[in-house]
C-alpha atoms as a PDB file:
ATOM      1  CA  UNK A   1    -149.657-124.916  61.426  1.00  0.00           C
ATOM      2  CA  UNK A   2    -151.493-122.009  63.051  1.00  0.00           C
ATOM      3  CA  UNK A   3    -152.339-124.244  66.008  1.00  0.00           C
ATOM      4  CA  UNK A   4    -148.719-125.266  66.455  1.00  0.00           C
ATOM      5  CA  UNK A   5    -147.510-121.676  66.376  1.00  0.00           C
ATOM      6  CA  UNK A   6    -150.283-120.507  68.726  1.00  0.00           C
ATOM      7  CA  UNK A   7    -149.392-123.324  71.121  1.00  0.00           C
ATOM      8  CA  UNK A   8    -145.745-122.317  71.073  1.00  0.00           C
ATOM      9  CA  UNK A   9    -146.622-118.689  71.885  1.00  0.00           C
ATOM     10  CA  UNK A  10    -148.862-119.768  74.755  1.00  0.00           C
ATOM     11  CA  UNK A  11    -146.091-121.832  76.328  1.00  0.00           C
ATOM     12  CA  UNK A  12    -143.166-119.527  75.556  1.00  0.00           C
ATOM     13  CA  UNK A  13    -141.600-117.736  78.489  1.00  0.00           C
ATOM     14  CA  UNK A  14    -140.416-114.119  78.139  1.00  0.00           C
ATOM     15  CA  UNK A  15    -136.833-115.391  77.985  1.00  0.00           C
ATOM     16  CA  UNK A  16    -137.606-117.074  74.643  1.00  0.00           C
ATOM     17  CA  UNK A  17    -137.884-113.651  73.034  1.00  0.00           C
ATOM     18  CA  UNK A  18    -134.594-112.335  74.399  1.00  0.00           C
ATOM     19  CA  UNK A  19    -132.382-115.382  73.949  1.00  0.00           C
ATOM     20  CA  UNK A  20    -129.889-115.295  71.090  1.00  0.00           C
ATOM     21  CA  UNK A  21    -130.611-117.545  68.120  1.00  0.00           C
ATOM     22  CA  UNK A  22    -127.949-118.283  65.525  1.00  0.00           C
ATOM     23  CA  UNK A  23    -129.303-117.858  62.009  1.00  0.00           C
ATOM     24  CA  UNK A  24    -127.542-117.729  58.655  1.00  0.00           C
ATOM     25  CA  UNK A  25    -127.280-113.912  58.700  1.00  0.00           C
ATOM     26  CA  UNK A  26    -125.884-113.727  62.245  1.00  0.00           C
ATOM     27  CA  UNK A  27    -127.034-113.997  65.858  1.00  0.00           C
ATOM     28  CA  UNK A  28    -130.491-112.527  66.535  1.00  0.00           C
ATOM     29  CA  UNK A  29    -132.700-112.179  69.589  1.00  0.00           C
ATOM     30  CA  UNK A  30    -135.892-114.218  69.473  1.00  0.00           C
ATOM     31  CA  UNK A  31    -137.854-110.978  69.191  1.00  0.00           C
ATOM     32  CA  UNK A  32    -135.786-109.711  66.245  1.00  0.00           C
ATOM     33  CA  UNK A  33    -136.047-113.063  64.485  1.00  0.00           C
ATOM     34  CA  UNK A  34    -139.845-113.079  64.817  1.00  0.00           C
ATOM     35  CA  UNK A  35    -140.067-109.484  63.608  1.00  0.00           C
ATOM     36  CA  UNK A  36    -137.889-110.188  60.576  1.00  0.00           C
ATOM     37  CA  UNK A  37    -139.840-113.355  59.779  1.00  0.00           C
ATOM     38  CA  UNK A  38    -143.095-111.400  59.989  1.00  0.00           C
ATOM     39  CA  UNK A  39    -142.110-108.547  57.731  1.00  0.00           C
ATOM     40  CA  UNK A  40    -140.362-110.909  55.319  1.00  0.00           C
ATOM     41  CA  UNK A  41    -143.571-112.931  54.909  1.00  0.00           C
ATOM     42  CA  UNK A  42    -145.550-109.683  54.550  1.00  0.00           C
ATOM     43  CA  UNK A  43    -143.200-108.534  51.790  1.00  0.00           C
ATOM     44  CA  UNK A  44    -143.750-111.782  49.872  1.00  0.00           C
ATOM     45  CA  UNK A  45    -147.504-111.414  50.324  1.00  0.00           C
ATOM     46  CA  UNK A  46    -147.298-107.921  48.814  1.00  0.00           C
ATOM     47  CA  UNK A  47    -145.336-109.383  45.888  1.00  0.00           C
ATOM     48  CA  UNK A  48    -147.935-112.102  45.338  1.00  0.00           C
ATOM     49  CA  UNK A  49    -150.740-109.542  45.250  1.00  0.00           C
ATOM     50  CA  UNK A  50    -148.789-107.415  42.738  1.00  0.00           C
ATOM     51  CA  UNK A  51    -148.094-110.461  40.587  1.00  0.00           C
ATOM     52  CA  UNK A  52    -151.725-111.561  40.645  1.00  0.00           C
ATOM     53  CA  UNK A  53    -152.743-108.052  39.572  1.00  0.00           C
ATOM     54  CA  UNK A  54    -150.307-108.200  36.637  1.00  0.00           C
ATOM     55  CA  UNK A  55    -151.767-111.557  35.623  1.00  0.00           C
ATOM     56  CA  UNK A  56    -155.318-110.217  35.938  1.00  0.00           C
ATOM     57  CA  UNK A  57    -156.134-112.631  38.753  1.00  0.00           C
ATOM     58  CA  UNK A  58    -158.370-111.349  41.521  1.00  0.00           C
ATOM     59  CA  UNK A  59    -157.301-112.541  44.995  1.00  0.00           C
ATOM     60  CA  UNK A  60    -160.110-114.027  47.121  1.00  0.00           C
ATOM     61  CA  UNK A  61    -159.709-111.258  49.744  1.00  0.00           C
ATOM     62  CA  UNK A  62    -158.180-107.767  49.663  1.00  0.00           C
ATOM     63  CA  UNK A  63    -154.595-107.404  50.793  1.00  0.00           C
ATOM     64  CA  UNK A  64    -154.537-106.930  54.592  1.00  0.00           C
ATOM     65  CA  UNK A  65    -152.580-103.656  54.439  1.00  0.00           C
ATOM     66  CA  UNK A  66    -153.709-102.676  57.950  1.00  0.00           C
ATOM     67  CA  UNK A  67    -151.832-105.689  59.322  1.00  0.00           C
ATOM     68  CA  UNK A  68    -148.588-104.266  57.922  1.00  0.00           C
ATOM     69  CA  UNK A  69    -148.643-101.107  60.069  1.00  0.00           C
ATOM     70  CA  UNK A  70    -145.469-100.745  62.078  1.00  0.00           C
ATOM     71  CA  UNK A  71    -143.507-103.337  60.088  1.00  0.00           C
ATOM     72  CA  UNK A  72    -140.242-102.118  58.543  1.00  0.00           C
ATOM     73  CA  UNK A  73    -141.232-103.090  55.004  1.00  0.00           C
ATOM     74  CA  UNK A  74    -139.124-101.972  52.058  1.00  0.00           C
ATOM     75  CA  UNK A  75    -140.773 -99.395  49.819  1.00  0.00           C
ATOM     76  CA  UNK A  76    -139.935-101.349  46.682  1.00  0.00           C
ATOM     77  CA  UNK A  77    -141.696-104.619  45.915  1.00  0.00           C
ATOM     78  CA  UNK A  78    -138.777-106.322  44.169  1.00  0.00           C
END
């Protein structure tokens, strides 16, 4: 999956990020859609780490909090 996404980014022209994409919550630019997808996945990752902590399960690696800098994440987990 990572290879497919990396390949898409390598071949994507700048216009891919500005074109309007229709999604279920309304039209979005390619850039806005990627940003929302990124922070949405990051939010679920935060939730999984919190859940694993509640269940006393230690994740194999620490949460990559540094990777979240600049993302418009909600303060609340749920």
